[in-house]
Amino acid sequence: MRKFALFAFNGDPMCFVHVLLNALDIKEKGHEVALVVEGSATKLVKLLSGGPGLEDFAQQNPQMHKMIADLFQQVKEADMISCVCQACSNMMGSLEDAKGLALPLCSELKGHPSMTRYIEEGYEIISF
């Protein structure tokens, strides 16, 4: 079994779908997955929590919204979400949404998650 830390930086919903698909696929193949939501990807937590600010996306892209929400729920239920960046989610206006979803927050690197921590724990880093 290998260990992979997927760092999702990109806030584009299409990119995030691929992060979620790959997380599920890697886990299904018997490996350990730690998903870290960073950078502009933290704004998607607001979309997934039903928080204000991204309603236009959900209305204009109902199929994509449903796909992201379903995949995110699967990843969350499989306990693959290692953390959401505290500093970035604060800047993107999604910190309270992350807290509302009971997602773990990381801030050990000047407010951000530390890749070094994952490397020291034996994870291979993949960034999106």
N, C-alpha and C. Protein backbone atom coordinates (compact mmCIF):
# COMPACT_ATOMS: atom_id res chain seq x y z
N MET A 1 0.85 -1.19 0.00
CA MET A 1 0.00 0.00 0.00
C MET A 1 0.89 1.24 0.00
N ARG A 2 0.52 2.19 -0.84
CA ARG A 2 1.23 3.47 -0.90
C ARG A 2 0.33 4.54 -0.29
N LYS A 3 0.94 5.66 0.03
CA LYS A 3 0.22 6.78 0.63
C LYS A 3 0.36 8.00 -0.28
N PHE A 4 -0.78 8.62 -0.58
CA PHE A 4 -0.79 9.78 -1.46
C PHE A 4 -1.51 10.94 -0.77
N ALA A 5 -0.87 12.11 -0.81
CA ALA A 5 -1.51 13.34 -0.36
C ALA A 5 -1.83 14.15 -1.61
N LEU A 6 -3.12 14.35 -1.84
CA LEU A 6 -3.56 15.13 -2.99
C LEU A 6 -3.82 16.55 -2.53
N PHE A 7 -3.03 17.49 -3.02
CA PHE A 7 -3.19 18.90 -2.68
C PHE A 7 -3.98 19.56 -3.79
N ALA A 8 -5.21 19.96 -3.50
CA ALA A 8 -6.08 20.62 -4.47
C ALA A 8 -5.95 22.13 -4.26
N PHE A 9 -5.25 22.80 -5.17
CA PHE A 9 -5.08 24.25 -5.10
C PHE A 9 -6.05 24.98 -6.02
N ASN A 10 -6.38 24.36 -7.14
CA ASN A 10 -7.13 25.01 -8.21
C ASN A 10 -8.62 25.06 -7.87
N GLY A 11 -9.19 26.25 -7.93
CA GLY A 11 -10.60 26.44 -7.61
C GLY A 11 -11.55 26.21 -8.76
N ASP A 12 -11.04 25.76 -9.90
CA ASP A 12 -11.92 25.47 -11.02
C ASP A 12 -12.69 24.19 -10.71
N PRO A 13 -14.01 24.24 -10.77
CA PRO A 13 -14.81 23.05 -10.43
C PRO A 13 -14.45 21.81 -11.24
N MET A 14 -14.15 21.97 -12.53
CA MET A 14 -13.79 20.82 -13.36
C MET A 14 -12.51 20.17 -12.85
N CYS A 15 -11.55 20.96 -12.46
CA CYS A 15 -10.31 20.41 -11.90
C CYS A 15 -10.60 19.68 -10.59
N PHE A 16 -11.45 20.27 -9.75
CA PHE A 16 -11.76 19.68 -8.46
C PHE A 16 -12.47 18.34 -8.62
N VAL A 17 -13.31 18.22 -9.64
CA VAL A 17 -13.97 16.94 -9.92
C VAL A 17 -12.90 15.87 -10.14
N HIS A 18 -11.86 16.20 -10.87
CA HIS A 18 -10.80 15.24 -11.15
C HIS A 18 -10.00 14.89 -9.90
N VAL A 19 -9.82 15.84 -9.02
CA VAL A 19 -9.17 15.55 -7.74
C VAL A 19 -10.00 14.51 -6.98
N LEU A 20 -11.29 14.74 -6.90
CA LEU A 20 -12.18 13.84 -6.17
C LEU A 20 -12.23 12.46 -6.82
N LEU A 21 -12.33 12.43 -8.16
CA LEU A 21 -12.35 11.15 -8.87
C LEU A 21 -11.06 10.36 -8.61
N ASN A 22 -9.94 11.04 -8.68
CA ASN A 22 -8.67 10.37 -8.44
C ASN A 22 -8.52 9.92 -7.00
N ALA A 23 -8.98 10.71 -6.06
CA ALA A 23 -8.93 10.30 -4.65
C ALA A 23 -9.70 9.00 -4.45
N LEU A 24 -10.89 8.94 -5.00
CA LEU A 24 -11.71 7.74 -4.86
C LEU A 24 -11.08 6.54 -5.57
N ASP A 25 -10.51 6.76 -6.74
CA ASP A 25 -9.88 5.69 -7.50
C ASP A 25 -8.65 5.14 -6.76
N ILE A 26 -7.82 6.04 -6.24
CA ILE A 26 -6.62 5.61 -5.52
C ILE A 26 -7.01 4.81 -4.28
N LYS A 27 -8.01 5.28 -3.57
CA LYS A 27 -8.49 4.57 -2.37
C LYS A 27 -9.05 3.20 -2.76
N GLU A 28 -9.82 3.17 -3.84
CA GLU A 28 -10.43 1.91 -4.30
C GLU A 28 -9.36 0.88 -4.68
N LYS A 29 -8.21 1.35 -5.13
CA LYS A 29 -7.12 0.46 -5.51
C LYS A 29 -6.28 0.04 -4.30
N GLY A 30 -6.71 0.42 -3.10
CA GLY A 30 -6.09 -0.07 -1.88
C GLY A 30 -5.03 0.83 -1.26
N HIS A 31 -4.93 2.05 -1.72
CA HIS A 31 -3.92 2.96 -1.18
C HIS A 31 -4.56 3.95 -0.20
N GLU A 32 -3.72 4.56 0.59
CA GLU A 32 -4.19 5.58 1.54
C GLU A 32 -4.19 6.94 0.86
N VAL A 33 -5.23 7.72 1.11
CA VAL A 33 -5.37 9.04 0.50
C VAL A 33 -5.64 10.08 1.57
N ALA A 34 -4.90 11.19 1.46
CA ALA A 34 -5.15 12.36 2.30
C ALA A 34 -5.40 13.52 1.34
N LEU A 35 -6.62 14.04 1.34
CA LEU A 35 -6.95 15.18 0.48
C LEU A 35 -6.78 16.46 1.28
N VAL A 36 -6.02 17.38 0.70
CA VAL A 36 -5.78 18.69 1.32
C VAL A 36 -6.37 19.73 0.37
N VAL A 37 -7.31 20.52 0.88
CA VAL A 37 -7.96 21.55 0.07
C VAL A 37 -7.27 22.87 0.40
N GLU A 38 -6.64 23.46 -0.60
CA GLU A 38 -5.77 24.62 -0.46
C GLU A 38 -6.15 25.70 -1.46
N GLY A 39 -5.54 26.85 -1.32
CA GLY A 39 -5.66 27.92 -2.31
C GLY A 39 -7.09 28.25 -2.69
N SER A 40 -7.29 28.53 -3.98
CA SER A 40 -8.63 28.92 -4.43
C SER A 40 -9.62 27.76 -4.40
N ALA A 41 -9.14 26.52 -4.26
CA ALA A 41 -10.05 25.38 -4.14
C ALA A 41 -10.89 25.47 -2.87
N THR A 42 -10.41 26.22 -1.87
CA THR A 42 -11.18 26.33 -0.63
C THR A 42 -12.52 27.01 -0.85
N LYS A 43 -12.64 27.83 -1.90
CA LYS A 43 -13.94 28.47 -2.16
C LYS A 43 -15.01 27.45 -2.50
N LEU A 44 -14.60 26.28 -3.01
CA LEU A 44 -15.56 25.25 -3.37
C LEU A 44 -16.23 24.64 -2.15
N VAL A 45 -15.60 24.77 -0.98
CA VAL A 45 -16.23 24.31 0.26
C VAL A 45 -17.54 25.05 0.47
N LYS A 46 -17.54 26.34 0.12
CA LYS A 46 -18.77 27.13 0.23
C LYS A 46 -19.85 26.57 -0.68
N LEU A 47 -19.48 26.21 -1.89
CA LEU A 47 -20.42 25.62 -2.85
C LEU A 47 -20.99 24.32 -2.30
N LEU A 48 -20.13 23.51 -1.70
CA LEU A 48 -20.54 22.21 -1.21
C LEU A 48 -21.34 22.28 0.08
N SER A 49 -21.18 23.37 0.82
CA SER A 49 -21.91 23.52 2.08
C SER A 49 -23.27 24.18 1.87
N GLY A 50 -23.49 24.69 0.67
CA GLY A 50 -24.73 25.43 0.41
C GLY A 50 -24.66 26.85 0.90
N GLY A 51 -23.44 27.29 1.23
CA GLY A 51 -23.25 28.65 1.71
C GLY A 51 -23.47 29.68 0.61
N PRO A 52 -23.64 30.94 0.98
CA PRO A 52 -23.90 31.99 0.01
C PRO A 52 -22.66 32.32 -0.82
N GLY A 53 -22.91 32.80 -2.02
CA GLY A 53 -21.82 33.29 -2.84
C GLY A 53 -21.60 32.53 -4.14
N LEU A 54 -22.00 31.28 -4.19
CA LEU A 54 -21.78 30.50 -5.41
C LEU A 54 -23.09 29.92 -5.95
N GLU A 55 -24.19 30.54 -5.59
CA GLU A 55 -25.49 30.05 -6.06
C GLU A 55 -25.59 30.09 -7.58
N ASP A 56 -24.97 31.12 -8.20
CA ASP A 56 -25.03 31.23 -9.65
C ASP A 56 -24.42 30.00 -10.32
N PHE A 57 -23.31 29.52 -9.77
CA PHE A 57 -22.68 28.34 -10.34
C PHE A 57 -23.64 27.15 -10.27
N ALA A 58 -24.25 26.96 -9.11
CA ALA A 58 -25.16 25.82 -8.92
C ALA A 58 -26.35 25.91 -9.86
N GLN A 59 -26.85 27.12 -10.08
CA GLN A 59 -28.01 27.28 -10.96
C GLN A 59 -27.64 27.13 -12.43
N GLN A 60 -26.46 27.62 -12.81
CA GLN A 60 -26.05 27.57 -14.21
C GLN A 60 -25.46 26.22 -14.59
N ASN A 61 -24.98 25.48 -13.61
CA ASN A 61 -24.33 24.20 -13.86
C ASN A 61 -24.87 23.11 -12.93
N PRO A 62 -26.16 22.83 -12.99
CA PRO A 62 -26.73 21.89 -12.02
C PRO A 62 -26.11 20.49 -12.06
N GLN A 63 -25.77 20.00 -13.25
CA GLN A 63 -25.18 18.67 -13.34
C GLN A 63 -23.79 18.64 -12.71
N MET A 64 -22.98 19.66 -13.00
CA MET A 64 -21.64 19.74 -12.43
C MET A 64 -21.72 19.92 -10.91
N HIS A 65 -22.64 20.74 -10.47
CA HIS A 65 -22.81 20.96 -9.03
C HIS A 65 -23.17 19.65 -8.34
N LYS A 66 -24.10 18.91 -8.92
CA LYS A 66 -24.50 17.63 -8.32
C LYS A 66 -23.34 16.64 -8.31
N MET A 67 -22.58 16.60 -9.41
CA MET A 67 -21.45 15.69 -9.49
C MET A 67 -20.41 16.01 -8.41
N ILE A 68 -20.08 17.28 -8.28
CA ILE A 68 -19.10 17.68 -7.26
C ILE A 68 -19.62 17.34 -5.87
N ALA A 69 -20.87 17.67 -5.62
CA ALA A 69 -21.44 17.42 -4.30
C ALA A 69 -21.46 15.92 -3.97
N ASP A 70 -21.84 15.10 -4.93
CA ASP A 70 -21.89 13.65 -4.71
C ASP A 70 -20.49 13.08 -4.47
N LEU A 71 -19.53 13.47 -5.30
CA LEU A 71 -18.16 12.98 -5.14
C LEU A 71 -17.55 13.46 -3.83
N PHE A 72 -17.79 14.72 -3.50
CA PHE A 72 -17.26 15.28 -2.26
C PHE A 72 -17.82 14.51 -1.06
N GLN A 73 -19.10 14.20 -1.10
CA GLN A 73 -19.72 13.45 -0.01
C GLN A 73 -19.08 12.07 0.13
N GLN A 74 -18.81 11.42 -0.99
CA GLN A 74 -18.17 10.11 -0.96
C GLN A 74 -16.77 10.20 -0.34
N VAL A 75 -16.02 11.21 -0.74
CA VAL A 75 -14.67 11.41 -0.20
C VAL A 75 -14.73 11.72 1.28
N LYS A 76 -15.69 12.55 1.66
CA LYS A 76 -15.85 12.91 3.08
C LYS A 76 -16.22 11.68 3.90
N GLU A 77 -17.18 10.90 3.42
CA GLU A 77 -17.61 9.69 4.14
C GLU A 77 -16.50 8.65 4.24
N ALA A 78 -15.59 8.64 3.26
CA ALA A 78 -14.45 7.71 3.29
C ALA A 78 -13.31 8.26 4.15
N ASP A 79 -13.53 9.38 4.78
CA ASP A 79 -12.56 10.01 5.70
C ASP A 79 -11.23 10.30 5.01
N MET A 80 -11.30 10.79 3.77
CA MET A 80 -10.09 11.12 3.01
C MET A 80 -9.72 12.60 3.10
N ILE A 81 -10.59 13.43 3.65
CA ILE A 81 -10.27 14.85 3.73
C ILE A 81 -9.39 15.08 4.94
N SER A 82 -8.12 15.28 4.66
CA SER A 82 -7.15 15.48 5.73
C SER A 82 -7.30 16.86 6.34
N CYS A 83 -7.41 17.87 5.47
CA CYS A 83 -7.64 19.22 6.01
C CYS A 83 -7.96 20.22 4.92
N VAL A 84 -8.48 21.33 5.38
CA VAL A 84 -8.74 22.51 4.56
C VAL A 84 -7.82 23.60 5.09
N CYS A 85 -7.19 24.32 4.20
CA CYS A 85 -6.28 25.39 4.60
C CYS A 85 -7.05 26.48 5.35
N GLN A 86 -6.61 26.75 6.56
CA GLN A 86 -7.29 27.75 7.37
C GLN A 86 -7.12 29.15 6.79
N ALA A 87 -5.90 29.51 6.39
CA ALA A 87 -5.65 30.85 5.87
C ALA A 87 -6.39 31.10 4.56
N CYS A 88 -6.33 30.13 3.65
CA CYS A 88 -6.98 30.31 2.35
C CYS A 88 -8.49 30.30 2.46
N SER A 89 -9.02 29.43 3.29
CA SER A 89 -10.48 29.40 3.45
C SER A 89 -10.97 30.69 4.09
N ASN A 90 -10.17 31.27 4.96
CA ASN A 90 -10.52 32.57 5.53
C ASN A 90 -10.54 33.64 4.44
N MET A 91 -9.51 33.65 3.59
CA MET A 91 -9.42 34.64 2.51
C MET A 91 -10.52 34.45 1.45
N MET A 92 -10.91 33.21 1.22
CA MET A 92 -11.92 32.91 0.20
C MET A 92 -13.35 32.98 0.76
N GLY A 93 -13.49 33.26 2.05
CA GLY A 93 -14.81 33.39 2.65
C GLY A 93 -15.50 32.08 2.93
N SER A 94 -14.73 31.00 3.05
CA SER A 94 -15.35 29.69 3.27
C SER A 94 -14.95 29.04 4.59
N LEU A 95 -14.29 29.77 5.46
CA LEU A 95 -13.84 29.20 6.73
C LEU A 95 -15.01 28.69 7.56
N GLU A 96 -16.05 29.48 7.69
CA GLU A 96 -17.21 29.06 8.49
C GLU A 96 -17.92 27.89 7.84
N ASP A 97 -17.89 27.84 6.52
CA ASP A 97 -18.50 26.71 5.80
C ASP A 97 -17.73 25.42 6.11
N ALA A 98 -16.39 25.51 6.10
CA ALA A 98 -15.57 24.34 6.44
C ALA A 98 -15.85 23.88 7.86
N LYS A 99 -15.95 24.83 8.77
CA LYS A 99 -16.27 24.49 10.16
C LYS A 99 -17.66 23.86 10.24
N GLY A 100 -18.63 24.41 9.49
CA GLY A 100 -19.99 23.88 9.50
C GLY A 100 -20.07 22.45 8.98
N LEU A 101 -19.16 22.10 8.08
CA LEU A 101 -19.11 20.73 7.55
C LEU A 101 -18.24 19.83 8.42
N ALA A 102 -17.72 20.38 9.51
CA ALA A 102 -16.82 19.66 10.44
C ALA A 102 -15.58 19.13 9.73
N LEU A 103 -15.07 19.93 8.80
CA LEU A 103 -13.84 19.56 8.10
C LEU A 103 -12.64 20.00 8.94
N PRO A 104 -11.61 19.16 9.02
CA PRO A 104 -10.43 19.56 9.78
C PRO A 104 -9.72 20.72 9.09
N LEU A 105 -9.17 21.62 9.87
CA LEU A 105 -8.43 22.76 9.36
C LEU A 105 -6.95 22.59 9.67
N CYS A 106 -6.09 23.03 8.75
CA CYS A 106 -4.65 22.98 8.98
C CYS A 106 -4.09 24.38 8.88
N SER A 107 -3.10 24.64 9.72
CA SER A 107 -2.49 25.97 9.72
C SER A 107 -1.05 25.95 10.19
N GLU A 108 -0.39 24.79 10.14
CA GLU A 108 0.93 24.64 10.74
C GLU A 108 2.05 25.35 9.98
N LEU A 109 1.81 25.78 8.73
CA LEU A 109 2.81 26.47 7.94
C LEU A 109 2.36 27.91 7.70
N LYS A 110 2.51 28.73 8.73
CA LYS A 110 2.11 30.15 8.64
C LYS A 110 0.67 30.29 8.17
N GLY A 111 -0.20 29.44 8.70
CA GLY A 111 -1.63 29.48 8.38
C GLY A 111 -2.06 28.47 7.34
N HIS A 112 -1.10 27.78 6.71
CA HIS A 112 -1.38 26.83 5.63
C HIS A 112 -0.96 25.42 6.03
N PRO A 113 -1.46 24.40 5.33
CA PRO A 113 -0.99 23.03 5.57
C PRO A 113 0.47 22.89 5.12
N SER A 114 1.21 22.07 5.79
CA SER A 114 2.61 21.84 5.46
C SER A 114 2.78 20.56 4.65
N MET A 115 3.35 20.68 3.46
CA MET A 115 3.65 19.50 2.67
C MET A 115 4.70 18.64 3.37
N THR A 116 5.61 19.29 4.08
CA THR A 116 6.66 18.56 4.79
C THR A 116 6.08 17.55 5.76
N ARG A 117 5.02 17.92 6.43
CA ARG A 117 4.38 16.99 7.37
C ARG A 117 3.96 15.71 6.66
N TYR A 118 3.36 15.86 5.49
CA TYR A 118 2.91 14.69 4.74
C TYR A 118 4.10 13.87 4.22
N ILE A 119 5.12 14.56 3.75
CA ILE A 119 6.32 13.86 3.28
C ILE A 119 6.94 13.06 4.42
N GLU A 120 7.05 13.68 5.60
CA GLU A 120 7.62 13.00 6.75
C GLU A 120 6.78 11.81 7.21
N GLU A 121 5.48 11.83 6.89
CA GLU A 121 4.59 10.72 7.23
C GLU A 121 4.55 9.68 6.11
N GLY A 122 5.39 9.84 5.08
CA GLY A 122 5.50 8.84 4.04
C GLY A 122 4.57 9.01 2.84
N TYR A 123 3.92 10.16 2.74
CA TYR A 123 3.02 10.39 1.61
C TYR A 123 3.78 10.87 0.38
N GLU A 124 3.32 10.45 -0.77
CA GLU A 124 3.75 11.02 -2.04
C GLU A 124 2.80 12.18 -2.31
N ILE A 125 3.35 13.33 -2.72
CA ILE A 125 2.55 14.53 -2.94
C ILE A 125 2.14 14.61 -4.41
N ILE A 126 0.86 14.85 -4.62
CA ILE A 126 0.34 15.15 -5.97
C ILE A 126 -0.42 16.45 -5.83
N SER A 127 -0.10 17.44 -6.67
CA SER A 127 -0.82 18.70 -6.57
C SER A 127 -1.62 18.95 -7.84
N PHE A 128 -2.78 19.54 -7.63
CA PHE A 128 -3.70 19.86 -8.72
C PHE A 128 -3.92 21.36 -8.73
